[in-house]
Amino acid sequence: MLLPFSRTQKTEADLLGLDYIAWAGFDPGAAIELWRNMAAAQRRAPPEFVSMHPGAPTRIRDLQAQMPEAMRTFEAARAAGHDPLCEP
């Protein structure tokens, strides 16, 4: 099967997105909560080896591994005045 993007590239996109949201002043920890919600919603997801995307557990693991750096970026962004001012 030929995939337009590899799982490695999709993982890289997830981690870059984590950096972007942290630098914008959004809490990067919300990304993990998002993927937990996605996993709960996809109770019958196909096995990862037949999927075009990394599975939610893999994404959560990768985001957790990157979280210390993302939190440092987030704290620096907030100290620099990056506050998205979003309201629920």
Protein backbone atom coordinates (compact mmCIF):
# COMPACT_ATOMS: atom_id res chain seq x y z
CA MET A 1 0.00 0.00 0.00
CA LEU A 2 1.35 3.41 -0.93
CA LEU A 3 0.69 6.16 1.58
CA PRO A 4 1.00 9.83 0.59
CA PHE A 5 2.64 10.56 3.94
CA SER A 6 4.36 8.15 6.28
CA ARG A 7 3.41 7.65 9.91
CA THR A 8 6.79 9.18 10.74
CA GLN A 9 5.82 12.36 8.90
CA LYS A 10 2.45 12.43 10.65
CA THR A 11 4.17 12.05 14.01
CA GLU A 12 6.51 14.89 13.09
CA ALA A 13 3.47 17.03 12.24
CA ASP A 14 1.93 16.25 15.64
CA LEU A 15 5.12 17.30 17.43
CA LEU A 16 5.52 20.47 15.36
CA GLY A 17 1.90 21.32 16.10
CA LEU A 18 2.62 20.86 19.80
CA ASP A 19 5.49 23.35 19.53
CA TYR A 20 3.34 25.83 17.59
CA ILE A 21 0.49 25.79 20.08
CA ALA A 22 2.93 26.11 22.99
CA TRP A 23 4.65 29.12 21.41
CA ALA A 24 1.26 30.72 20.72
CA GLY A 25 0.51 30.54 24.44
CA PHE A 26 -1.92 27.62 24.43
CA ASP A 27 -1.46 24.90 27.06
CA PRO A 28 0.25 22.02 25.24
CA GLY A 29 -1.15 19.55 27.77
CA ALA A 30 -4.52 19.95 26.05
CA ALA A 31 -3.13 17.98 23.08
CA ILE A 32 -2.92 14.86 25.24
CA GLU A 33 -6.48 15.36 26.44
CA LEU A 34 -7.60 15.75 22.82
CA TRP A 35 -6.06 12.38 21.86
CA ARG A 36 -7.54 10.70 24.93
CA ASN A 37 -10.96 11.96 23.80
CA MET A 38 -10.26 10.77 20.25
CA ALA A 39 -9.30 7.32 21.55
CA ALA A 40 -12.51 7.12 23.58
CA ALA A 41 -14.55 8.11 20.53
CA GLN A 42 -12.81 5.50 18.34
CA ARG A 43 -13.60 2.41 20.35
CA ARG A 44 -13.44 0.24 17.24
CA ALA A 45 -10.41 1.76 15.50
CA PRO A 46 -8.49 -0.57 13.17
CA PRO A 47 -5.13 -1.92 14.31
CA GLU A 48 -2.40 0.66 13.87
CA PHE A 49 -0.45 -1.46 11.39
CA VAL A 50 -3.29 -1.20 8.85
CA SER A 51 -4.03 2.45 9.51
CA MET A 52 -2.69 5.44 7.60
CA HIS A 53 -2.24 7.30 10.90
CA PRO A 54 -0.45 6.58 14.16
CA GLY A 55 -2.92 5.25 16.71
CA ALA A 56 -4.11 7.43 19.57
CA PRO A 57 -2.01 5.52 22.16
CA THR A 58 1.12 6.08 20.05
CA ARG A 59 0.30 9.75 19.60
CA ILE A 60 -0.30 10.18 23.34
CA ARG A 61 3.00 8.47 24.14
CA ASP A 62 4.91 10.66 21.65
CA LEU A 63 3.26 13.85 22.93
CA GLN A 64 4.02 12.90 26.54
CA ALA A 65 7.67 12.36 25.63
CA GLN A 66 7.81 15.83 24.05
CA MET A 67 5.82 17.53 26.84
CA PRO A 68 8.75 18.76 29.01
CA GLU A 69 10.17 20.72 26.07
CA ALA A 70 6.71 21.94 25.04
CA MET A 71 6.05 23.18 28.58
CA ARG A 72 9.34 25.11 28.57
CA THR A 73 8.28 26.70 25.27
CA PHE A 74 4.83 27.46 26.69
CA GLU A 75 6.28 29.09 29.81
CA ALA A 76 8.69 31.18 27.72
CA ALA A 77 5.85 32.22 25.41
CA ARG A 78 3.67 33.28 28.33
CA ALA A 79 6.60 35.20 29.86
CA ALA A 80 7.02 36.95 26.48
CA GLY A 81 3.37 38.00 26.56
CA HIS A 82 1.92 35.39 24.20
CA ASP A 83 -1.61 35.00 25.51
CA PRO A 84 -4.24 33.80 23.01
CA LEU A 85 -7.07 35.39 25.04
CA CYS A 86 -9.52 32.67 24.04
CA GLU A 87 -12.69 32.37 26.04
CA PRO A 88 -14.82 29.24 26.35
